[in-house]
Amino acid sequence: MSTKSNRATQLWFPAKRYGWGWGVPTVWQGWAVLVAFFVLLAIAAAIFLPAQPGVFVACASLLSLLLVAVCWAKGEPPRWRWGGK
């Protein structure tokens, strides 16, 4: 088995067919990361909104950066895609 096909089986987030970025997860680990992101975002909203919207924006930004970092590490390399294969 080649390392390229081995890498493909370990991808949590495949590339989108059109545009830049990642699509929906293909393995349970990716789904767990996505669910954790939304749960943590909801908890931050419940705690900080509406009293401290600035803190909520900071938390949401940090969570989003962490999600992108996981997608970058465990997904296909991001590049612009026009459909095709």
PDB file of N, CA and C in Angstrom:
ATOM      1  N   MET A   1       0.848  -1.182   0.000  1.00  0.00           N
ATOM      2  CA  MET A   1       0.000   0.000   0.000  1.00  0.00           C
ATOM      3  C   MET A   1       0.888   1.238   0.000  1.00  0.00           C
ATOM      4  N   SER A   2       0.624   2.156  -0.880  1.00  0.00           N
ATOM      5  CA  SER A   2       1.445   3.349  -0.963  1.00  0.00           C
ATOM      6  C   SER A   2       1.071   4.331   0.143  1.00  0.00           C
ATOM      7  N   THR A   3       1.987   5.242   0.432  1.00  0.00           N
ATOM      8  CA  THR A   3       1.706   6.216   1.485  1.00  0.00           C
ATOM      9  C   THR A   3       0.634   7.201   1.060  1.00  0.00           C
ATOM     10  N   LYS A   4       0.523   7.455  -0.267  1.00  0.00           N
ATOM     11  CA  LYS A   4      -0.512   8.375  -0.727  1.00  0.00           C
ATOM     12  C   LYS A   4      -1.902   7.799  -0.477  1.00  0.00           C
ATOM     13  N   SER A   5      -2.122   6.524  -0.793  1.00  0.00           N
ATOM     14  CA  SER A   5      -3.434   5.935  -0.539  1.00  0.00           C
ATOM     15  C   SER A   5      -3.679   5.768   0.957  1.00  0.00           C
ATOM     16  N   ASN A   6      -2.620   5.522   1.725  1.00  0.00           N
ATOM     17  CA  ASN A   6      -2.747   5.439   3.180  1.00  0.00           C
ATOM     18  C   ASN A   6      -3.155   6.792   3.742  1.00  0.00           C
ATOM     19  N   ARG A   7      -2.566   7.871   3.223  1.00  0.00           N
ATOM     20  CA  ARG A   7      -2.909   9.225   3.661  1.00  0.00           C
ATOM     21  C   ARG A   7      -4.371   9.517   3.331  1.00  0.00           C
ATOM     22  N   ALA A   8      -4.826   9.077   2.169  1.00  0.00           N
ATOM     23  CA  ALA A   8      -6.203   9.349   1.759  1.00  0.00           C
ATOM     24  C   ALA A   8      -7.206   8.665   2.684  1.00  0.00           C
ATOM     25  N   THR A   9      -6.865   7.504   3.222  1.00  0.00           N
ATOM     26  CA  THR A   9      -7.792   6.828   4.119  1.00  0.00           C
ATOM     27  C   THR A   9      -7.816   7.484   5.496  1.00  0.00           C
ATOM     28  N   GLN A  10      -6.820   8.285   5.808  1.00  0.00           N
ATOM     29  CA  GLN A  10      -6.756   8.935   7.113  1.00  0.00           C
ATOM     30  C   GLN A  10      -7.345  10.347   7.100  1.00  0.00           C
ATOM     31  N   LEU A  11      -7.837  10.818   5.956  1.00  0.00           N
ATOM     32  CA  LEU A  11      -8.370  12.169   5.876  1.00  0.00           C
ATOM     33  C   LEU A  11      -9.695  12.268   6.625  1.00  0.00           C
ATOM     34  N   TRP A  12      -9.778  13.257   7.491  1.00  0.00           N
ATOM     35  CA  TRP A  12     -11.022  13.486   8.220  1.00  0.00           C
ATOM     36  C   TRP A  12     -11.938  14.413   7.432  1.00  0.00           C
ATOM     37  N   PHE A  13     -11.325  15.355   6.703  1.00  0.00           N
ATOM     38  CA  PHE A  13     -12.074  16.364   5.966  1.00  0.00           C
ATOM     39  C   PHE A  13     -11.607  16.388   4.518  1.00  0.00           C
ATOM     40  N   PRO A  14     -12.414  15.880   3.583  1.00  0.00           N
ATOM     41  CA  PRO A  14     -12.023  15.939   2.171  1.00  0.00           C
ATOM     42  C   PRO A  14     -12.195  17.357   1.637  1.00  0.00           C
ATOM     43  N   ALA A  15     -11.532  17.636   0.539  1.00  0.00           N
ATOM     44  CA  ALA A  15     -11.667  18.949  -0.091  1.00  0.00           C
ATOM     45  C   ALA A  15     -13.049  19.087  -0.712  1.00  0.00           C
ATOM     46  N   LYS A  16     -13.529  20.316  -0.763  1.00  0.00           N
ATOM     47  CA  LYS A  16     -14.780  20.582  -1.458  1.00  0.00           C
ATOM     48  C   LYS A  16     -14.569  20.383  -2.947  1.00  0.00           C
ATOM     49  N   ARG A  17     -15.620  20.057  -3.655  1.00  0.00           N
ATOM     50  CA  ARG A  17     -15.490  19.856  -5.096  1.00  0.00           C
ATOM     51  C   ARG A  17     -15.316  21.185  -5.823  1.00  0.00           C
ATOM     52  N   TYR A  18     -15.991  22.230  -5.358  1.00  0.00           N
ATOM     53  CA  TYR A  18     -15.888  23.559  -5.948  1.00  0.00           C
ATOM     54  C   TYR A  18     -15.457  24.538  -4.867  1.00  0.00           C
ATOM     55  N   GLY A  19     -14.539  25.425  -5.204  1.00  0.00           N
ATOM     56  CA  GLY A  19     -14.108  26.447  -4.264  1.00  0.00           C
ATOM     57  C   GLY A  19     -12.904  26.025  -3.449  1.00  0.00           C
ATOM     58  N   TRP A  20     -12.670  26.745  -2.350  1.00  0.00           N
ATOM     59  CA  TRP A  20     -11.510  26.515  -1.496  1.00  0.00           C
ATOM     60  C   TRP A  20     -12.008  26.036  -0.148  1.00  0.00           C
ATOM     61  N   GLY A  21     -11.344  25.054   0.407  1.00  0.00           N
ATOM     62  CA  GLY A  21     -11.699  24.609   1.744  1.00  0.00           C
ATOM     63  C   GLY A  21     -12.078  23.144   1.795  1.00  0.00           C
ATOM     64  N   TRP A  22     -12.758  22.780   2.857  1.00  0.00           N
ATOM     65  CA  TRP A  22     -13.074  21.388   3.125  1.00  0.00           C
ATOM     66  C   TRP A  22     -14.572  21.171   3.157  1.00  0.00           C
ATOM     67  N   GLY A  23     -14.959  19.933   2.833  1.00  0.00           N
ATOM     68  CA  GLY A  23     -16.362  19.547   2.876  1.00  0.00           C
ATOM     69  C   GLY A  23     -16.707  18.905   4.204  1.00  0.00           C
ATOM     70  N   VAL A  24     -17.808  18.177   4.219  1.00  0.00           N
ATOM     71  CA  VAL A  24     -18.243  17.515   5.449  1.00  0.00           C
ATOM     72  C   VAL A  24     -17.289  16.368   5.785  1.00  0.00           C
ATOM     73  N   PRO A  25     -17.149  16.046   7.047  1.00  0.00           N
ATOM     74  CA  PRO A  25     -16.234  14.963   7.450  1.00  0.00           C
ATOM     75  C   PRO A  25     -16.633  13.621   6.859  1.00  0.00           C
ATOM     76  N   THR A  26     -15.633  12.740   6.708  1.00  0.00           N
ATOM     77  CA  THR A  26     -15.895  11.409   6.168  1.00  0.00           C
ATOM     78  C   THR A  26     -15.679  10.309   7.195  1.00  0.00           C
ATOM     79  N   VAL A  27     -15.130  10.643   8.351  1.00  0.00           N
ATOM     80  CA  VAL A  27     -14.894   9.651   9.404  1.00  0.00           C
ATOM     81  C   VAL A  27     -15.441  10.198  10.723  1.00  0.00           C
ATOM     82  N   TRP A  28     -15.605   9.310  11.688  1.00  0.00           N
ATOM     83  CA  TRP A  28     -16.220   9.722  12.952  1.00  0.00           C
ATOM     84  C   TRP A  28     -15.384  10.758  13.695  1.00  0.00           C
ATOM     85  N   GLN A  29     -14.061  10.722  13.544  1.00  0.00           N
ATOM     86  CA  GLN A  29     -13.218  11.702  14.235  1.00  0.00           C
ATOM     87  C   GLN A  29     -13.517  13.117  13.741  1.00  0.00           C
ATOM     88  N   GLY A  30     -13.718  13.260  12.449  1.00  0.00           N
ATOM     89  CA  GLY A  30     -14.066  14.562  11.896  1.00  0.00           C
ATOM     90  C   GLY A  30     -15.415  15.046  12.394  1.00  0.00           C
ATOM     91  N   TRP A  31     -16.382  14.117  12.449  1.00  0.00           N
ATOM     92  CA  TRP A  31     -17.693  14.487  12.979  1.00  0.00           C
ATOM     93  C   TRP A  31     -17.606  14.879  14.449  1.00  0.00           C
ATOM     94  N   ALA A  32     -16.759  14.190  15.215  1.00  0.00           N
ATOM     95  CA  ALA A  32     -16.583  14.521  16.636  1.00  0.00           C
ATOM     96  C   ALA A  32     -16.011  15.931  16.792  1.00  0.00           C
ATOM     97  N   VAL A  33     -15.054  16.282  15.952  1.00  0.00           N
ATOM     98  CA  VAL A  33     -14.472  17.630  15.998  1.00  0.00           C
ATOM     99  C   VAL A  33     -15.533  18.667  15.662  1.00  0.00           C
ATOM    100  N   LEU A  34     -16.321  18.408  14.634  1.00  0.00           N
ATOM    101  CA  LEU A  34     -17.350  19.357  14.222  1.00  0.00           C
ATOM    102  C   LEU A  34     -18.428  19.527  15.292  1.00  0.00           C
ATOM    103  N   VAL A  35     -18.865  18.424  15.897  1.00  0.00           N
ATOM    104  CA  VAL A  35     -19.860  18.497  16.967  1.00  0.00           C
ATOM    105  C   VAL A  35     -19.288  19.254  18.171  1.00  0.00           C
ATOM    106  N   ALA A  36     -18.038  18.965  18.527  1.00  0.00           N
ATOM    107  CA  ALA A  36     -17.402  19.666  19.653  1.00  0.00           C
ATOM    108  C   ALA A  36     -17.327  21.168  19.380  1.00  0.00           C
ATOM    109  N   PHE A  37     -17.012  21.540  18.147  1.00  0.00           N
ATOM    110  CA  PHE A  37     -16.953  22.956  17.779  1.00  0.00           C
ATOM    111  C   PHE A  37     -18.297  23.629  18.044  1.00  0.00           C
ATOM    112  N   PHE A  38     -19.384  23.024  17.543  1.00  0.00           N
ATOM    113  CA  PHE A  38     -20.700  23.640  17.709  1.00  0.00           C
ATOM    114  C   PHE A  38     -21.177  23.626  19.159  1.00  0.00           C
ATOM    115  N   VAL A  39     -20.858  22.584  19.903  1.00  0.00           N
ATOM    116  CA  VAL A  39     -21.236  22.531  21.326  1.00  0.00           C
ATOM    117  C   VAL A  39     -20.501  23.625  22.100  1.00  0.00           C
ATOM    118  N   LEU A  40     -19.195  23.752  21.872  1.00  0.00           N
ATOM    119  CA  LEU A  40     -18.421  24.788  22.563  1.00  0.00           C
ATOM    120  C   LEU A  40     -18.881  26.188  22.164  1.00  0.00           C
ATOM    121  N   LEU A  41     -19.244  26.365  20.894  1.00  0.00           N
ATOM    122  CA  LEU A  41     -19.754  27.658  20.441  1.00  0.00           C
ATOM    123  C   LEU A  41     -21.085  27.987  21.127  1.00  0.00           C
ATOM    124  N   ALA A  42     -21.953  27.001  21.272  1.00  0.00           N
ATOM    125  CA  ALA A  42     -23.233  27.214  21.955  1.00  0.00           C
ATOM    126  C   ALA A  42     -23.030  27.524  23.437  1.00  0.00           C
ATOM    127  N   ILE A  43     -22.089  26.839  24.067  1.00  0.00           N
ATOM    128  CA  ILE A  43     -21.785  27.111  25.482  1.00  0.00           C
ATOM    129  C   ILE A  43     -21.261  28.528  25.651  1.00  0.00           C
ATOM    130  N   ALA A  44     -20.351  28.942  24.757  1.00  0.00           N
ATOM    131  CA  ALA A  44     -19.822  30.309  24.822  1.00  0.00           C
ATOM    132  C   ALA A  44     -20.931  31.324  24.610  1.00  0.00           C
ATOM    133  N   ALA A  45     -21.860  31.046  23.709  1.00  0.00           N
ATOM    134  CA  ALA A  45     -22.975  31.970  23.484  1.00  0.00           C
ATOM    135  C   ALA A  45     -23.865  32.053  24.715  1.00  0.00           C
ATOM    136  N   ALA A  46     -24.126  30.915  25.350  1.00  0.00           N
ATOM    137  CA  ALA A  46     -24.980  30.902  26.543  1.00  0.00           C
ATOM    138  C   ALA A  46     -24.338  31.660  27.701  1.00  0.00           C
ATOM    139  N   ILE A  47     -23.033  31.581  27.799  1.00  0.00           N
ATOM    140  CA  ILE A  47     -22.335  32.235  28.909  1.00  0.00           C
ATOM    141  C   ILE A  47     -22.140  33.727  28.661  1.00  0.00           C
ATOM    142  N   PHE A  48     -21.716  34.099  27.450  1.00  0.00           N
ATOM    143  CA  PHE A  48     -21.263  35.473  27.209  1.00  0.00           C
ATOM    144  C   PHE A  48     -22.270  36.376  26.502  1.00  0.00           C
ATOM    145  N   LEU A  49     -23.283  35.815  25.874  1.00  0.00           N
ATOM    146  CA  LEU A  49     -24.254  36.677  25.193  1.00  0.00           C
ATOM    147  C   LEU A  49     -25.470  36.870  26.077  1.00  0.00           C
ATOM    148  N   PRO A  50     -26.112  37.990  26.125  1.00  0.00           N
ATOM    149  CA  PRO A  50     -25.799  39.247  25.453  1.00  0.00           C
ATOM    150  C   PRO A  50     -24.935  40.187  26.285  1.00  0.00           C
ATOM    151  N   ALA A  51     -24.538  39.778  27.495  1.00  0.00           N
ATOM    152  CA  ALA A  51     -23.833  40.688  28.409  1.00  0.00           C
ATOM    153  C   ALA A  51     -22.438  41.073  27.923  1.00  0.00           C
ATOM    154  N   GLN A  52     -21.705  40.131  27.340  1.00  0.00           N
ATOM    155  CA  GLN A  52     -20.331  40.397  26.927  1.00  0.00           C
ATOM    156  C   GLN A  52     -20.106  39.939  25.482  1.00  0.00           C
ATOM    157  N   PRO A  53     -20.639  40.672  24.517  1.00  0.00           N
ATOM    158  CA  PRO A  53     -20.518  40.224  23.127  1.00  0.00           C
ATOM    159  C   PRO A  53     -19.074  40.204  22.625  1.00  0.00           C
ATOM    160  N   GLY A  54     -18.246  41.084  23.127  1.00  0.00           N
ATOM    161  CA  GLY A  54     -16.836  41.105  22.709  1.00  0.00           C
ATOM    162  C   GLY A  54     -16.106  39.832  23.107  1.00  0.00           C
ATOM    163  N   VAL A  55     -16.387  39.342  24.291  1.00  0.00           N
ATOM    164  CA  VAL A  55     -15.770  38.099  24.754  1.00  0.00           C
ATOM    165  C   VAL A  55     -16.268  36.931  23.918  1.00  0.00           C
ATOM    166  N   PHE A  56     -17.571  36.950  23.582  1.00  0.00           N
ATOM    167  CA  PHE A  56     -18.105  35.889  22.732  1.00  0.00           C
ATOM    168  C   PHE A  56     -17.437  35.894  21.369  1.00  0.00           C
ATOM    169  N   VAL A  57     -17.241  37.053  20.777  1.00  0.00           N
ATOM    170  CA  VAL A  57     -16.578  37.145  19.470  1.00  0.00           C
ATOM    171  C   VAL A  57     -15.151  36.607  19.569  1.00  0.00           C
ATOM    172  N   ALA A  58     -14.461  36.906  20.659  1.00  0.00           N
ATOM    173  CA  ALA A  58     -13.104  36.388  20.853  1.00  0.00           C
ATOM    174  C   ALA A  58     -13.116  34.862  20.970  1.00  0.00           C
ATOM    175  N   CYS A  59     -14.064  34.326  21.730  1.00  0.00           N
ATOM    176  CA  CYS A  59     -14.181  32.864  21.865  1.00  0.00           C
ATOM    177  C   CYS A  59     -14.516  32.208  20.528  1.00  0.00           C
ATOM    178  N   ALA A  60     -15.460  32.796  19.799  1.00  0.00           N
ATOM    179  CA  ALA A  60     -15.852  32.247  18.504  1.00  0.00           C
ATOM    180  C   ALA A  60     -14.683  32.289  17.522  1.00  0.00           C
ATOM    181  N   SER A  61     -13.906  33.356  17.567  1.00  0.00           N
ATOM    182  CA  SER A  61     -12.737  33.459  16.691  1.00  0.00           C
ATOM    183  C   SER A  61     -11.696  32.405  17.031  1.00  0.00           C
ATOM    184  N   LEU A  62     -11.454  32.207  18.311  1.00  0.00           N
ATOM    185  CA  LEU A  62     -10.483  31.198  18.744  1.00  0.00           C
ATOM    186  C   LEU A  62     -10.944  29.793  18.356  1.00  0.00           C
ATOM    187  N   LEU A  63     -12.208  29.491  18.590  1.00  0.00           N
ATOM    188  CA  LEU A  63     -12.746  28.181  18.214  1.00  0.00           C
ATOM    189  C   LEU A  63     -12.665  27.961  16.705  1.00  0.00           C
ATOM    190  N   SER A  64     -12.945  29.011  15.936  1.00  0.00           N
ATOM    191  CA  SER A  64     -12.870  28.899  14.476  1.00  0.00           C
ATOM    192  C   SER A  64     -11.439  28.655  14.012  1.00  0.00           C
ATOM    193  N   LEU A  65     -10.486  29.341  14.618  1.00  0.00           N
ATOM    194  CA  LEU A  65      -9.072  29.114  14.273  1.00  0.00           C
ATOM    195  C   LEU A  65      -8.640  27.693  14.614  1.00  0.00           C
ATOM    196  N   LEU A  66      -9.114  27.183  15.742  1.00  0.00           N
ATOM    197  CA  LEU A  66      -8.790  25.802  16.106  1.00  0.00           C
ATOM    198  C   LEU A  66      -9.406  24.808  15.128  1.00  0.00           C
ATOM    199  N   LEU A  67     -10.640  25.075  14.696  1.00  0.00           N
ATOM    200  CA  LEU A  67     -11.285  24.194  13.723  1.00  0.00           C
ATOM    201  C   LEU A  67     -10.518  24.202  12.398  1.00  0.00           C
ATOM    202  N   VAL A  68     -10.109  25.360  11.934  1.00  0.00           N
ATOM    203  CA  VAL A  68      -9.334  25.447  10.696  1.00  0.00           C
ATOM    204  C   VAL A  68      -7.993  24.722  10.855  1.00  0.00           C
ATOM    205  N   ALA A  69      -7.373  24.836  12.016  1.00  0.00           N
ATOM    206  CA  ALA A  69      -6.094  24.144  12.244  1.00  0.00           C
ATOM    207  C   ALA A  69      -6.270  22.626  12.173  1.00  0.00           C
ATOM    208  N   VAL A  70      -7.347  22.112  12.751  1.00  0.00           N
ATOM    209  CA  VAL A  70      -7.603  20.668  12.688  1.00  0.00           C
ATOM    210  C   VAL A  70      -7.902  20.256  11.247  1.00  0.00           C
ATOM    211  N   CYS A  71      -8.704  21.044  10.539  1.00  0.00           N
ATOM    212  CA  CYS A  71      -9.001  20.731   9.137  1.00  0.00           C
ATOM    213  C   CYS A  71      -7.728  20.748   8.297  1.00  0.00           C
ATOM    214  N   TRP A  72      -6.865  21.698   8.552  1.00  0.00           N
ATOM    215  CA  TRP A  72      -5.607  21.806   7.812  1.00  0.00           C
ATOM    216  C   TRP A  72      -4.722  20.591   8.084  1.00  0.00           C
ATOM    217  N   ALA A  73      -4.679  20.168   9.345  1.00  0.00           N
ATOM    218  CA  ALA A  73      -3.817  19.042   9.717  1.00  0.00           C
ATOM    219  C   ALA A  73      -4.386  17.699   9.280  1.00  0.00           C
ATOM    220  N   LYS A  74      -5.692  17.537   9.314  1.00  0.00           N
ATOM    221  CA  LYS A  74      -6.318  16.240   9.066  1.00  0.00           C
ATOM    222  C   LYS A  74      -7.137  16.187   7.782  1.00  0.00           C
ATOM    223  N   GLY A  75      -7.066  17.212   6.957  1.00  0.00           N
ATOM    224  CA  GLY A  75      -7.825  17.231   5.715  1.00  0.00           C
ATOM    225  C   GLY A  75      -6.917  17.267   4.498  1.00  0.00           C
ATOM    226  N   GLU A  76      -7.550  17.236   3.333  1.00  0.00           N
ATOM    227  CA  GLU A  76      -6.787  17.359   2.093  1.00  0.00           C
ATOM    228  C   GLU A  76      -6.158  18.746   2.036  1.00  0.00           C
ATOM    229  N   PRO A  77      -5.029  18.870   1.352  1.00  0.00           N
ATOM    230  CA  PRO A  77      -4.412  20.195   1.218  1.00  0.00           C
ATOM    231  C   PRO A  77      -5.377  21.168   0.536  1.00  0.00           C
ATOM    232  N   PRO A  78      -5.566  22.340   1.124  1.00  0.00           N
ATOM    233  CA  PRO A  78      -6.522  23.282   0.537  1.00  0.00           C
ATOM    234  C   PRO A  78      -5.956  23.933  -0.727  1.00  0.00           C
ATOM    235  N   ARG A  79      -6.801  24.045  -1.725  1.00  0.00           N
ATOM    236  CA  ARG A  79      -6.496  24.781  -2.948  1.00  0.00           C
ATOM    237  C   ARG A  79      -7.818  25.033  -3.653  1.00  0.00           C
ATOM    238  N   TRP A  80      -7.809  25.945  -4.606  1.00  0.00           N
ATOM    239  CA  TRP A  80      -9.022  26.247  -5.335  1.00  0.00           C
ATOM    240  C   TRP A  80      -9.349  25.081  -6.270  1.00  0.00           C
ATOM    241  N   ARG A  81     -10.599  24.670  -6.280  1.00  0.00           N
ATOM    242  CA  ARG A  81     -11.026  23.551  -7.132  1.00  0.00           C
ATOM    243  C   ARG A  81     -12.207  23.997  -7.995  1.00  0.00           C
ATOM    244  N   TRP A  82     -12.223  23.511  -9.228  1.00  0.00           N
ATOM    245  CA  TRP A  82     -13.248  23.901 -10.195  1.00  0.00           C
ATOM    246  C   TRP A  82     -14.177  22.747 -10.524  1.00  0.00           C
ATOM    247  N   GLY A  83     -14.248  21.747  -9.730  1.00  0.00           N
ATOM    248  CA  GLY A  83     -15.103  20.599 -10.024  1.00  0.00           C
ATOM    249  C   GLY A  83     -14.248  19.402 -10.388  1.00  0.00           C
ATOM    250  N   GLY A  84     -14.260  18.997 -11.619  1.00  0.00           N
ATOM    251  CA  GLY A  84     -13.391  17.934 -12.099  1.00  0.00           C
ATOM    252  C   GLY A  84     -13.361  16.727 -11.196  1.00  0.00           C
ATOM    253  N   LYS A  85     -12.204  16.070 -11.150  1.00  0.00           N
ATOM    254  CA  LYS A  85     -12.051  14.862 -10.344  1.00  0.00           C
ATOM    255  C   LYS A  85     -11.796  15.183  -8.902  1.00  0.00           C
TER     256      LYS A  85
END
